Amino acid sequence: MRKEYDFSKMKGHKNPYAKELKKQVTLRLGIDVIRYFKDLSKQTGLPYQNLINLYLGQCAHSGKKLTLNWAS
């Protein structure tokens, strides 16, 4: 294994799978939700956007369902 690698000639070679990993979207989140994840971010050292993504990913993979209770 080399001590150093030269990646200077790698310009223009993008990861072909990068677009499949994440997609930018716009969400309107409650201030309390943002505050919660920003506080958690300070505790964990992870960016709050990553924490939101990790949480939503866990919900999606586990098939977690939201319970809605509409008042009549």
PDB file of N, CA and C in Angstrom:
ATOM      1  N   MET A   1       0.853  -1.179   0.000  1.00  0.00           N
ATOM      2  CA  MET A   1       0.000   0.000   0.000  1.00  0.00           C
ATOM      3  C   MET A   1       0.894   1.236   0.000  1.00  0.00           C
ATOM      4  N   ARG A   2       0.512   2.231  -0.787  1.00  0.00           N
ATOM      5  CA  ARG A   2       1.291   3.466  -0.868  1.00  0.00           C
ATOM      6  C   ARG A   2       1.039   4.359   0.333  1.00  0.00           C
ATOM      7  N   LYS A   3       2.017   5.208   0.627  1.00  0.00           N
ATOM      8  CA  LYS A   3       1.830   6.183   1.703  1.00  0.00           C
ATOM      9  C   LYS A   3       0.859   7.273   1.265  1.00  0.00           C
ATOM     10  N   GLU A   4       0.944   7.660  -0.011  1.00  0.00           N
ATOM     11  CA  GLU A   4       0.093   8.719  -0.544  1.00  0.00           C
ATOM     12  C   GLU A   4      -0.449   8.314  -1.902  1.00  0.00           C
ATOM     13  N   TYR A   5      -1.619   8.833  -2.223  1.00  0.00           N
ATOM     14  CA  TYR A   5      -2.219   8.608  -3.525  1.00  0.00           C
ATOM     15  C   TYR A   5      -2.486   9.953  -4.177  1.00  0.00           C
ATOM     16  N   ASP A   6      -2.317  10.029  -5.500  1.00  0.00           N
ATOM     17  CA  ASP A   6      -2.525  11.270  -6.236  1.00  0.00           C
ATOM     18  C   ASP A   6      -3.892  11.232  -6.912  1.00  0.00           C
ATOM     19  N   PHE A   7      -4.825  12.028  -6.389  1.00  0.00           N
ATOM     20  CA  PHE A   7      -6.160  12.084  -6.964  1.00  0.00           C
ATOM     21  C   PHE A   7      -6.365  13.337  -7.810  1.00  0.00           C
ATOM     22  N   SER A   8      -5.299  14.056  -8.107  1.00  0.00           N
ATOM     23  CA  SER A   8      -5.417  15.316  -8.838  1.00  0.00           C
ATOM     24  C   SER A   8      -5.927  15.119 -10.262  1.00  0.00           C
ATOM     25  N   LYS A   9      -5.748  13.957 -10.841  1.00  0.00           N
ATOM     26  CA  LYS A   9      -6.187  13.689 -12.207  1.00  0.00           C
ATOM     27  C   LYS A   9      -7.613  13.133 -12.251  1.00  0.00           C
ATOM     28  N   MET A  10      -8.289  13.110 -11.139  1.00  0.00           N
ATOM     29  CA  MET A  10      -9.623  12.527 -11.057  1.00  0.00           C
ATOM     30  C   MET A  10     -10.743  13.521 -11.392  1.00  0.00           C
ATOM     31  N   LYS A  11     -10.391  14.722 -11.830  1.00  0.00           N
ATOM     32  CA  LYS A  11     -11.405  15.729 -12.156  1.00  0.00           C
ATOM     33  C   LYS A  11     -12.317  15.210 -13.261  1.00  0.00           C
ATOM     34  N   GLY A  12     -13.594  15.458 -13.104  1.00  0.00           N
ATOM     35  CA  GLY A  12     -14.552  15.044 -14.107  1.00  0.00           C
ATOM     36  C   GLY A  12     -15.060  13.629 -13.915  1.00  0.00           C
ATOM     37  N   HIS A  13     -14.474  12.895 -13.017  1.00  0.00           N
ATOM     38  CA  HIS A  13     -14.925  11.529 -12.754  1.00  0.00           C
ATOM     39  C   HIS A  13     -15.819  11.549 -11.526  1.00  0.00           C
ATOM     40  N   LYS A  14     -17.104  11.632 -11.787  1.00  0.00           N
ATOM     41  CA  LYS A  14     -18.051  11.682 -10.678  1.00  0.00           C
ATOM     42  C   LYS A  14     -18.521  10.271 -10.351  1.00  0.00           C
ATOM     43  N   ASN A  15     -18.949  10.113  -9.123  1.00  0.00           N
ATOM     44  CA  ASN A  15     -19.494   8.845  -8.686  1.00  0.00           C
ATOM     45  C   ASN A  15     -20.822   8.611  -9.418  1.00  0.00           C
ATOM     46  N   PRO A  16     -20.934   7.561 -10.230  1.00  0.00           N
ATOM     47  CA  PRO A  16     -22.178   7.346 -10.984  1.00  0.00           C
ATOM     48  C   PRO A  16     -23.366   6.984 -10.092  1.00  0.00           C
ATOM     49  N   TYR A  17     -23.115   6.618  -8.847  1.00  0.00           N
ATOM     50  CA  TYR A  17     -24.183   6.227  -7.937  1.00  0.00           C
ATOM     51  C   TYR A  17     -24.587   7.355  -6.993  1.00  0.00           C
ATOM     52  N   ALA A  18     -23.905   8.486  -7.042  1.00  0.00           N
ATOM     53  CA  ALA A  18     -24.141   9.573  -6.086  1.00  0.00           C
ATOM     54  C   ALA A  18     -25.580  10.079  -6.138  1.00  0.00           C
ATOM     55  N   LYS A  19     -26.152  10.195  -7.331  1.00  0.00           N
ATOM     56  CA  LYS A  19     -27.526  10.707  -7.439  1.00  0.00           C
ATOM     57  C   LYS A  19     -28.538   9.743  -6.846  1.00  0.00           C
ATOM     58  N   GLU A  20     -28.199   8.469  -6.769  1.00  0.00           N
ATOM     59  CA  GLU A  20     -29.122   7.481  -6.222  1.00  0.00           C
ATOM     60  C   GLU A  20     -29.092   7.455  -4.695  1.00  0.00           C
ATOM     61  N   LEU A  21     -28.083   8.060  -4.091  1.00  0.00           N
ATOM     62  CA  LEU A  21     -27.926   8.003  -2.646  1.00  0.00           C
ATOM     63  C   LEU A  21     -28.862   8.958  -1.923  1.00  0.00           C
ATOM     64  N   LYS A  22     -28.912  10.192  -2.394  1.00  0.00           N
ATOM     65  CA  LYS A  22     -29.749  11.200  -1.742  1.00  0.00           C
ATOM     66  C   LYS A  22     -30.317  12.138  -2.787  1.00  0.00           C
ATOM     67  N   LYS A  23     -31.463  12.725  -2.471  1.00  0.00           N
ATOM     68  CA  LYS A  23     -32.103  13.697  -3.348  1.00  0.00           C
ATOM     69  C   LYS A  23     -32.507  14.893  -2.499  1.00  0.00           C
ATOM     70  N   GLN A  24     -32.211  16.066  -2.985  1.00  0.00           N
ATOM     71  CA  GLN A  24     -32.560  17.274  -2.251  1.00  0.00           C
ATOM     72  C   GLN A  24     -34.049  17.557  -2.409  1.00  0.00           C
ATOM     73  N   VAL A  25     -34.713  17.823  -1.280  1.00  0.00           N
ATOM     74  CA  VAL A  25     -36.127  18.183  -1.270  1.00  0.00           C
ATOM     75  C   VAL A  25     -36.323  19.344  -0.301  1.00  0.00           C
ATOM     76  N   THR A  26     -37.446  19.991  -0.422  1.00  0.00           N
ATOM     77  CA  THR A  26     -37.791  21.068   0.500  1.00  0.00           C
ATOM     78  C   THR A  26     -38.926  20.584   1.392  1.00  0.00           C
ATOM     79  N   LEU A  27     -38.739  20.706   2.692  1.00  0.00           N
ATOM     80  CA  LEU A  27     -39.760  20.312   3.667  1.00  0.00           C
ATOM     81  C   LEU A  27     -40.050  21.476   4.590  1.00  0.00           C
ATOM     82  N   ARG A  28     -41.273  21.578   5.012  1.00  0.00           N
ATOM     83  CA  ARG A  28     -41.629  22.552   6.048  1.00  0.00           C
ATOM     84  C   ARG A  28     -41.787  21.764   7.331  1.00  0.00           C
ATOM     85  N   LEU A  29     -40.866  21.976   8.250  1.00  0.00           N
ATOM     86  CA  LEU A  29     -40.873  21.269   9.525  1.00  0.00           C
ATOM     87  C   LEU A  29     -41.224  22.241  10.640  1.00  0.00           C
ATOM     88  N   GLY A  30     -41.859  21.733  11.661  1.00  0.00           N
ATOM     89  CA  GLY A  30     -42.191  22.565  12.816  1.00  0.00           C
ATOM     90  C   GLY A  30     -40.928  23.019  13.533  1.00  0.00           C
ATOM     91  N   ILE A  31     -41.001  24.191  14.120  1.00  0.00           N
ATOM     92  CA  ILE A  31     -39.860  24.750  14.840  1.00  0.00           C
ATOM     93  C   ILE A  31     -39.431  23.824  15.969  1.00  0.00           C
ATOM     94  N   ASP A  32     -40.407  23.200  16.639  1.00  0.00           N
ATOM     95  CA  ASP A  32     -40.082  22.282  17.726  1.00  0.00           C
ATOM     96  C   ASP A  32     -39.339  21.042  17.214  1.00  0.00           C
ATOM     97  N   VAL A  33     -39.686  20.583  16.017  1.00  0.00           N
ATOM     98  CA  VAL A  33     -39.001  19.430  15.419  1.00  0.00           C
ATOM     99  C   VAL A  33     -37.555  19.793  15.092  1.00  0.00           C
ATOM    100  N   ILE A  34     -37.370  20.946  14.492  1.00  0.00           N
ATOM    101  CA  ILE A  34     -36.015  21.395  14.145  1.00  0.00           C
ATOM    102  C   ILE A  34     -35.188  21.565  15.408  1.00  0.00           C
ATOM    103  N   ARG A  35     -35.771  22.185  16.424  1.00  0.00           N
ATOM    104  CA  ARG A  35     -35.063  22.390  17.692  1.00  0.00           C
ATOM    105  C   ARG A  35     -34.642  21.054  18.298  1.00  0.00           C
ATOM    106  N   TYR A  36     -35.544  20.065  18.264  1.00  0.00           N
ATOM    107  CA  TYR A  36     -35.242  18.740  18.810  1.00  0.00           C
ATOM    108  C   TYR A  36     -34.018  18.136  18.123  1.00  0.00           C
ATOM    109  N   PHE A  37     -34.016  18.148  16.795  1.00  0.00           N
ATOM    110  CA  PHE A  37     -32.905  17.534  16.074  1.00  0.00           C
ATOM    111  C   PHE A  37     -31.625  18.359  16.172  1.00  0.00           C
ATOM    112  N   LYS A  38     -31.740  19.676  16.287  1.00  0.00           N
ATOM    113  CA  LYS A  38     -30.531  20.488  16.485  1.00  0.00           C
ATOM    114  C   LYS A  38     -29.917  20.230  17.857  1.00  0.00           C
ATOM    115  N   ASP A  39     -30.755  20.070  18.880  1.00  0.00           N
ATOM    116  CA  ASP A  39     -30.251  19.720  20.213  1.00  0.00           C
ATOM    117  C   ASP A  39     -29.593  18.343  20.193  1.00  0.00           C
ATOM    118  N   LEU A  40     -30.226  17.401  19.524  1.00  0.00           N
ATOM    119  CA  LEU A  40     -29.663  16.063  19.388  1.00  0.00           C
ATOM    120  C   LEU A  40     -28.341  16.113  18.616  1.00  0.00           C
ATOM    121  N   SER A  41     -28.269  17.015  17.659  1.00  0.00           N
ATOM    122  CA  SER A  41     -27.047  17.201  16.878  1.00  0.00           C
ATOM    123  C   SER A  41     -25.879  17.637  17.761  1.00  0.00           C
ATOM    124  N   LYS A  42     -26.161  18.526  18.690  1.00  0.00           N
ATOM    125  CA  LYS A  42     -25.113  18.983  19.619  1.00  0.00           C
ATOM    126  C   LYS A  42     -24.625  17.842  20.503  1.00  0.00           C
ATOM    127  N   GLN A  43     -25.531  16.951  20.884  1.00  0.00           N
ATOM    128  CA  GLN A  43     -25.172  15.815  21.741  1.00  0.00           C
ATOM    129  C   GLN A  43     -24.366  14.761  20.992  1.00  0.00           C
ATOM    130  N   THR A  44     -24.719  14.543  19.718  1.00  0.00           N
ATOM    131  CA  THR A  44     -24.105  13.448  18.963  1.00  0.00           C
ATOM    132  C   THR A  44     -22.936  13.890  18.094  1.00  0.00           C
ATOM    133  N   GLY A  45     -22.911  15.173  17.745  1.00  0.00           N
ATOM    134  CA  GLY A  45     -21.863  15.654  16.839  1.00  0.00           C
ATOM    135  C   GLY A  45     -22.187  15.408  15.371  1.00  0.00           C
ATOM    136  N   LEU A  46     -23.387  14.911  15.085  1.00  0.00           N
ATOM    137  CA  LEU A  46     -23.821  14.678  13.701  1.00  0.00           C
ATOM    138  C   LEU A  46     -24.679  15.848  13.245  1.00  0.00           C
ATOM    139  N   PRO A  47     -24.603  16.232  11.982  1.00  0.00           N
ATOM    140  CA  PRO A  47     -25.462  17.309  11.480  1.00  0.00           C
ATOM    141  C   PRO A  47     -26.942  16.942  11.642  1.00  0.00           C
ATOM    142  N   TYR A  48     -27.748  17.934  11.983  1.00  0.00           N
ATOM    143  CA  TYR A  48     -29.149  17.651  12.265  1.00  0.00           C
ATOM    144  C   TYR A  48     -29.892  17.112  11.045  1.00  0.00           C
ATOM    145  N   GLN A  49     -29.489  17.534   9.826  1.00  0.00           N
ATOM    146  CA  GLN A  49     -30.138  17.011   8.632  1.00  0.00           C
ATOM    147  C   GLN A  49     -29.878  15.509   8.504  1.00  0.00           C
ATOM    148  N   ASN A  50     -28.668  15.080   8.849  1.00  0.00           N
ATOM    149  CA  ASN A  50     -28.343  13.649   8.806  1.00  0.00           C
ATOM    150  C   ASN A  50     -29.173  12.884   9.827  1.00  0.00           C
ATOM    151  N   LEU A  51     -29.372  13.468  11.006  1.00  0.00           N
ATOM    152  CA  LEU A  51     -30.174  12.806  12.035  1.00  0.00           C
ATOM    153  C   LEU A  51     -31.625  12.641  11.583  1.00  0.00           C
ATOM    154  N   ILE A  52     -32.166  13.667  10.949  1.00  0.00           N
ATOM    155  CA  ILE A  52     -33.537  13.571  10.440  1.00  0.00           C
ATOM    156  C   ILE A  52     -33.606  12.473   9.381  1.00  0.00           C
ATOM    157  N   ASN A  53     -32.625  12.433   8.489  1.00  0.00           N
ATOM    158  CA  ASN A  53     -32.589  11.410   7.448  1.00  0.00           C
ATOM    159  C   ASN A  53     -32.470  10.012   8.050  1.00  0.00           C
ATOM    160  N   LEU A  54     -31.614   9.860   9.059  1.00  0.00           N
ATOM    161  CA  LEU A  54     -31.453   8.556   9.709  1.00  0.00           C
ATOM    162  C   LEU A  54     -32.747   8.108  10.370  1.00  0.00           C
ATOM    163  N   TYR A  55     -33.419   9.029  11.063  1.00  0.00           N
ATOM    164  CA  TYR A  55     -34.674   8.690  11.739  1.00  0.00           C
ATOM    165  C   TYR A  55     -35.754   8.297  10.732  1.00  0.00           C
ATOM    166  N   LEU A  56     -35.912   9.102   9.690  1.00  0.00           N
ATOM    167  CA  LEU A  56     -36.930   8.789   8.687  1.00  0.00           C
ATOM    168  C   LEU A  56     -36.594   7.491   7.959  1.00  0.00           C
ATOM    169  N   GLY A  57     -35.312   7.255   7.745  1.00  0.00           N
ATOM    170  CA  GLY A  57     -34.896   6.001   7.124  1.00  0.00           C
ATOM    171  C   GLY A  57     -35.254   4.800   7.974  1.00  0.00           C
ATOM    172  N   GLN A  58     -35.053   4.911   9.287  1.00  0.00           N
ATOM    173  CA  GLN A  58     -35.433   3.823  10.198  1.00  0.00           C
ATOM    174  C   GLN A  58     -36.941   3.585  10.150  1.00  0.00           C
ATOM    175  N   CYS A  59     -37.712   4.659  10.122  1.00  0.00           N
ATOM    176  CA  CYS A  59     -39.172   4.526  10.042  1.00  0.00           C
ATOM    177  C   CYS A  59     -39.563   3.819   8.748  1.00  0.00           C
ATOM    178  N   ALA A  60     -38.954   4.213   7.643  1.00  0.00           N
ATOM    179  CA  ALA A  60     -39.288   3.628   6.343  1.00  0.00           C
ATOM    180  C   ALA A  60     -38.906   2.151   6.281  1.00  0.00           C
ATOM    181  N   HIS A  61     -37.712   1.814   6.777  1.00  0.00           N
ATOM    182  CA  HIS A  61     -37.241   0.424   6.704  1.00  0.00           C
ATOM    183  C   HIS A  61     -38.016  -0.498   7.635  1.00  0.00           C
ATOM    184  N   SER A  62     -38.472   0.033   8.748  1.00  0.00           N
ATOM    185  CA  SER A  62     -39.211  -0.813   9.694  1.00  0.00           C
ATOM    186  C   SER A  62     -40.705  -0.851   9.383  1.00  0.00           C
ATOM    187  N   GLY A  63     -41.142  -0.014   8.440  1.00  0.00           N
ATOM    188  CA  GLY A  63     -42.562   0.024   8.098  1.00  0.00           C
ATOM    189  C   GLY A  63     -43.412   0.693   9.152  1.00  0.00           C
ATOM    190  N   LYS A  64     -42.789   1.570   9.938  1.00  0.00           N
ATOM    191  CA  LYS A  64     -43.512   2.258  11.011  1.00  0.00           C
ATOM    192  C   LYS A  64     -44.666   3.068  10.424  1.00  0.00           C
ATOM    193  N   LYS A  65     -45.817   2.977  11.049  1.00  0.00           N
ATOM    194  CA  LYS A  65     -47.011   3.697  10.601  1.00  0.00           C
ATOM    195  C   LYS A  65     -47.333   4.833  11.562  1.00  0.00           C
ATOM    196  N   LEU A  66     -47.769   5.934  11.019  1.00  0.00           N
ATOM    197  CA  LEU A  66     -48.158   7.096  11.800  1.00  0.00           C
ATOM    198  C   LEU A  66     -49.602   6.918  12.261  1.00  0.00           C
ATOM    199  N   THR A  67     -49.854   7.176  13.523  1.00  0.00           N
ATOM    200  CA  THR A  67     -51.215   7.109  14.054  1.00  0.00           C
ATOM    201  C   THR A  67     -51.790   8.524  14.058  1.00  0.00           C
ATOM    202  N   LEU A  68     -52.813   8.723  13.247  1.00  0.00           N
ATOM    203  CA  LEU A  68     -53.470  10.024  13.190  1.00  0.00           C
ATOM    204  C   LEU A  68     -54.758   9.941  13.968  1.00  0.00           C
ATOM    205  N   ASN A  69     -55.021  10.965  14.768  1.00  0.00           N
ATOM    206  CA  ASN A  69     -56.226  11.007  15.563  1.00  0.00           C
ATOM    207  C   ASN A  69     -56.920  12.340  15.297  1.00  0.00           C
ATOM    208  N   TRP A  70     -57.837  12.341  14.343  1.00  0.00           N
ATOM    209  CA  TRP A  70     -58.520  13.571  13.973  1.00  0.00           C
ATOM    210  C   TRP A  70     -59.664  13.850  14.940  1.00  0.00           C
ATOM    211  N   ALA A  71     -59.653  15.036  15.523  1.00  0.00           N
ATOM    212  CA  ALA A  71     -60.747  15.432  16.428  1.00  0.00           C
ATOM    213  C   ALA A  71     -61.935  15.859  15.574  1.00  0.00           C
ATOM    214  N   SER A  72     -63.120  15.449  15.973  1.00  0.00           N
ATOM    215  CA  SER A  72     -64.315  15.813  15.190  1.00  0.00           C
ATOM    216  C   SER A  72     -65.088  16.913  15.857  1.00  0.00           C
TER     217      SER A  72
END
